[in-house]
Amino acid sequence: MDCIKKLLLALGVAFLSAVGVQAQVGYGIKAGVNLGKYSNVQENVEDHIKMNPSFYLTGYADLFVATNVSVQPGISFAG
C-alpha cells in the first residue's frame, strides 16, 4: 500500500512539474475614461445634467491554463 501512495505522489509531482515548465504568463495594463452623467432632479428646480468624468487603471496577469483557456487576475484602481 505504501508503494502505491509513493508512486501516485511521484506521478503527481512529475505532472505538476511538467505543467509548470510549460506555463506562460503575460502581463499588461488596461486604462480608460468613464464619462458618466448624473442628474439632480427636485420638484422646484429645473433638471441639471452634469458630467462626472473619471478614470480607471488595471494591472493584470494572464495565466494560461490550457491551449485555449487562461485565467486573468488583476488589481483595479478607479477614481
N, C-alpha and C. Protein backbone atom coordinates (compact mmCIF):
# COMPACT_ATOMS: atom_id res chain seq x y z
N MET A 1 0.81 -1.19 0.00
CA MET A 1 0.00 0.00 0.00
C MET A 1 0.86 1.26 0.00
N ASP A 2 1.94 1.28 0.76
CA ASP A 2 2.84 2.43 0.80
C ASP A 2 3.48 2.68 -0.57
N CYS A 3 3.76 1.59 -1.26
CA CYS A 3 4.39 1.70 -2.57
C CYS A 3 3.47 2.41 -3.56
N ILE A 4 2.18 2.14 -3.49
CA ILE A 4 1.21 2.77 -4.40
C ILE A 4 1.08 4.25 -4.08
N LYS A 5 1.06 4.62 -2.81
CA LYS A 5 0.98 6.02 -2.42
C LYS A 5 2.20 6.79 -2.91
N LYS A 6 3.39 6.20 -2.75
CA LYS A 6 4.61 6.86 -3.21
C LYS A 6 4.63 7.01 -4.72
N LEU A 7 4.13 6.00 -5.42
CA LEU A 7 4.09 6.06 -6.88
C LEU A 7 3.13 7.15 -7.36
N LEU A 8 1.94 7.22 -6.74
CA LEU A 8 0.98 8.26 -7.11
C LEU A 8 1.52 9.65 -6.77
N LEU A 9 2.18 9.79 -5.65
CA LEU A 9 2.77 11.07 -5.28
C LEU A 9 3.85 11.47 -6.28
N ALA A 10 4.68 10.52 -6.67
CA ALA A 10 5.74 10.81 -7.65
C ALA A 10 5.15 11.20 -9.00
N LEU A 11 4.10 10.50 -9.43
CA LEU A 11 3.45 10.84 -10.71
C LEU A 11 2.80 12.22 -10.64
N GLY A 12 2.17 12.54 -9.50
CA GLY A 12 1.56 13.85 -9.33
C GLY A 12 2.58 14.97 -9.38
N VAL A 13 3.70 14.79 -8.70
CA VAL A 13 4.77 15.80 -8.71
C VAL A 13 5.35 15.95 -10.12
N ALA A 14 5.54 14.84 -10.82
CA ALA A 14 6.07 14.90 -12.19
C ALA A 14 5.10 15.63 -13.11
N PHE A 15 3.80 15.37 -12.97
CA PHE A 15 2.81 16.03 -13.80
C PHE A 15 2.78 17.53 -13.53
N LEU A 16 2.75 17.91 -12.26
CA LEU A 16 2.72 19.33 -11.92
C LEU A 16 4.00 20.05 -12.35
N SER A 17 5.11 19.38 -12.28
CA SER A 17 6.37 19.97 -12.74
C SER A 17 6.35 20.19 -14.24
N ALA A 18 5.81 19.23 -14.98
CA ALA A 18 5.73 19.37 -16.44
C ALA A 18 4.79 20.49 -16.83
N VAL A 19 3.69 20.63 -16.11
CA VAL A 19 2.75 21.72 -16.38
C VAL A 19 3.39 23.06 -16.05
N GLY A 20 4.13 23.13 -14.95
CA GLY A 20 4.78 24.38 -14.55
C GLY A 20 5.85 24.82 -15.52
N VAL A 21 6.54 23.87 -16.14
CA VAL A 21 7.59 24.22 -17.10
C VAL A 21 6.99 24.85 -18.35
N GLN A 22 5.82 24.38 -18.77
CA GLN A 22 5.20 24.88 -19.99
C GLN A 22 4.29 26.08 -19.75
N ALA A 23 4.11 26.48 -18.52
CA ALA A 23 3.22 27.59 -18.22
C ALA A 23 3.79 28.90 -18.75
N GLN A 24 2.93 29.69 -19.34
CA GLN A 24 3.32 31.01 -19.85
C GLN A 24 2.51 32.05 -19.09
N VAL A 25 3.13 33.16 -18.82
CA VAL A 25 2.47 34.25 -18.10
C VAL A 25 2.66 35.52 -18.90
N GLY A 26 1.57 36.24 -19.11
CA GLY A 26 1.62 37.54 -19.76
C GLY A 26 1.15 38.61 -18.79
N TYR A 27 1.70 39.80 -18.90
CA TYR A 27 1.33 40.90 -18.02
C TYR A 27 0.82 42.05 -18.87
N GLY A 28 0.01 42.92 -18.29
CA GLY A 28 -0.48 44.05 -19.05
C GLY A 28 -1.14 45.09 -18.17
N ILE A 29 -1.46 46.19 -18.81
CA ILE A 29 -2.13 47.31 -18.15
C ILE A 29 -3.31 47.72 -19.01
N LYS A 30 -4.45 47.95 -18.37
CA LYS A 30 -5.63 48.48 -19.05
C LYS A 30 -5.93 49.84 -18.42
N ALA A 31 -6.28 50.80 -19.24
CA ALA A 31 -6.62 52.13 -18.74
C ALA A 31 -7.74 52.70 -19.58
N GLY A 32 -8.52 53.59 -18.99
CA GLY A 32 -9.61 54.20 -19.75
C GLY A 32 -10.27 55.32 -18.98
N VAL A 33 -11.28 55.89 -19.63
CA VAL A 33 -12.02 57.02 -19.07
C VAL A 33 -13.50 56.64 -19.00
N ASN A 34 -14.13 56.97 -17.89
CA ASN A 34 -15.57 56.80 -17.73
C ASN A 34 -16.22 58.17 -17.86
N LEU A 35 -17.16 58.31 -18.77
CA LEU A 35 -17.84 59.59 -18.98
C LEU A 35 -19.30 59.45 -18.55
N GLY A 36 -19.50 59.37 -17.26
CA GLY A 36 -20.85 59.21 -16.73
C GLY A 36 -21.55 60.55 -16.58
N LYS A 37 -22.87 60.50 -16.61
CA LYS A 37 -23.69 61.69 -16.38
C LYS A 37 -24.60 61.41 -15.19
N TYR A 38 -24.89 62.45 -14.44
CA TYR A 38 -25.87 62.29 -13.38
C TYR A 38 -26.79 63.49 -13.40
N SER A 39 -27.97 63.30 -12.84
CA SER A 39 -29.00 64.32 -12.88
C SER A 39 -29.50 64.57 -11.47
N ASN A 40 -29.70 65.85 -11.14
CA ASN A 40 -30.23 66.25 -9.85
C ASN A 40 -31.62 66.83 -10.09
N VAL A 41 -32.62 65.99 -9.91
CA VAL A 41 -33.99 66.42 -10.20
C VAL A 41 -34.75 66.58 -8.88
N GLN A 42 -35.23 67.77 -8.65
CA GLN A 42 -36.08 68.04 -7.50
C GLN A 42 -37.36 68.71 -8.00
N GLU A 43 -38.34 68.86 -7.15
CA GLU A 43 -39.63 69.37 -7.59
C GLU A 43 -39.57 70.80 -8.11
N ASN A 44 -38.93 71.71 -7.41
CA ASN A 44 -38.96 73.13 -7.78
C ASN A 44 -37.70 73.58 -8.51
N VAL A 45 -36.85 72.68 -8.90
CA VAL A 45 -35.60 73.04 -9.56
C VAL A 45 -35.59 72.39 -10.94
N GLU A 46 -35.12 73.15 -11.93
CA GLU A 46 -35.05 72.56 -13.26
C GLU A 46 -33.96 71.49 -13.31
N ASP A 47 -34.07 70.62 -14.25
CA ASP A 47 -33.17 69.47 -14.35
C ASP A 47 -31.77 69.91 -14.74
N HIS A 48 -30.79 69.57 -13.93
CA HIS A 48 -29.39 69.87 -14.21
C HIS A 48 -28.67 68.56 -14.46
N ILE A 49 -28.19 68.39 -15.68
CA ILE A 49 -27.42 67.18 -16.01
C ILE A 49 -25.96 67.58 -16.03
N LYS A 50 -25.15 66.87 -15.28
CA LYS A 50 -23.73 67.19 -15.17
C LYS A 50 -22.90 65.98 -15.56
N MET A 51 -21.74 66.26 -16.12
CA MET A 51 -20.80 65.19 -16.44
C MET A 51 -20.03 64.81 -15.18
N ASN A 52 -19.72 63.55 -15.06
CA ASN A 52 -18.93 63.04 -13.95
C ASN A 52 -17.78 62.20 -14.52
N PRO A 53 -16.78 62.84 -15.14
CA PRO A 53 -15.69 62.05 -15.73
C PRO A 53 -14.79 61.45 -14.65
N SER A 54 -14.33 60.25 -14.91
CA SER A 54 -13.38 59.59 -14.02
C SER A 54 -12.51 58.67 -14.87
N PHE A 55 -11.61 57.97 -14.23
CA PHE A 55 -10.68 57.11 -14.96
C PHE A 55 -10.57 55.77 -14.25
N TYR A 56 -9.97 54.82 -14.93
CA TYR A 56 -9.65 53.55 -14.30
C TYR A 56 -8.31 53.06 -14.83
N LEU A 57 -7.61 52.33 -13.99
CA LEU A 57 -6.31 51.76 -14.32
C LEU A 57 -6.26 50.36 -13.72
N THR A 58 -5.94 49.37 -14.53
CA THR A 58 -5.92 47.99 -14.09
C THR A 58 -4.61 47.33 -14.49
N GLY A 59 -3.97 46.67 -13.55
CA GLY A 59 -2.80 45.83 -13.84
C GLY A 59 -3.24 44.38 -13.75
N TYR A 60 -2.85 43.57 -14.72
CA TYR A 60 -3.31 42.19 -14.73
C TYR A 60 -2.21 41.24 -15.17
N ALA A 61 -2.41 39.96 -14.86
CA ALA A 61 -1.54 38.88 -15.32
C ALA A 61 -2.43 37.90 -16.08
N ASP A 62 -1.94 37.40 -17.18
CA ASP A 62 -2.67 36.44 -18.00
C ASP A 62 -2.01 35.08 -17.82
N LEU A 63 -2.63 34.19 -17.05
CA LEU A 63 -2.08 32.88 -16.74
C LEU A 63 -2.73 31.83 -17.63
N PHE A 64 -1.96 31.23 -18.53
CA PHE A 64 -2.50 30.24 -19.45
C PHE A 64 -2.61 28.89 -18.74
N VAL A 65 -3.82 28.34 -18.71
CA VAL A 65 -4.09 27.07 -18.05
C VAL A 65 -4.05 25.93 -19.06
N ALA A 66 -4.64 26.14 -20.21
CA ALA A 66 -4.68 25.13 -21.26
C ALA A 66 -4.49 25.85 -22.60
N THR A 67 -4.63 25.13 -23.69
CA THR A 67 -4.39 25.71 -25.01
C THR A 67 -5.26 26.93 -25.28
N ASN A 68 -6.55 26.83 -25.02
CA ASN A 68 -7.47 27.93 -25.29
C ASN A 68 -8.10 28.51 -24.03
N VAL A 69 -7.49 28.26 -22.89
CA VAL A 69 -8.07 28.71 -21.62
C VAL A 69 -6.99 29.45 -20.82
N SER A 70 -7.38 30.61 -20.29
CA SER A 70 -6.46 31.34 -19.41
C SER A 70 -7.26 32.00 -18.28
N VAL A 71 -6.55 32.28 -17.19
CA VAL A 71 -7.13 32.97 -16.04
C VAL A 71 -6.46 34.33 -15.97
N GLN A 72 -7.25 35.38 -15.69
CA GLN A 72 -6.71 36.73 -15.73
C GLN A 72 -7.03 37.48 -14.43
N PRO A 73 -6.23 37.28 -13.36
CA PRO A 73 -6.43 38.05 -12.14
C PRO A 73 -5.86 39.45 -12.32
N GLY A 74 -6.41 40.42 -11.58
CA GLY A 74 -5.91 41.78 -11.71
C GLY A 74 -6.30 42.65 -10.54
N ILE A 75 -5.68 43.81 -10.50
CA ILE A 75 -5.98 44.82 -9.47
C ILE A 75 -6.37 46.10 -10.21
N SER A 76 -7.54 46.68 -9.82
CA SER A 76 -8.04 47.87 -10.49
C SER A 76 -8.08 49.05 -9.53
N PHE A 77 -7.87 50.23 -10.10
CA PHE A 77 -8.00 51.48 -9.37
C PHE A 77 -8.88 52.40 -10.20
N ALA A 78 -9.96 52.88 -9.61
CA ALA A 78 -10.87 53.78 -10.32
C ALA A 78 -11.02 55.06 -9.49
N GLY A 79 -10.99 56.17 -10.17
CA GLY A 79 -11.09 57.45 -9.46
C GLY A 79 -12.19 58.31 -9.94
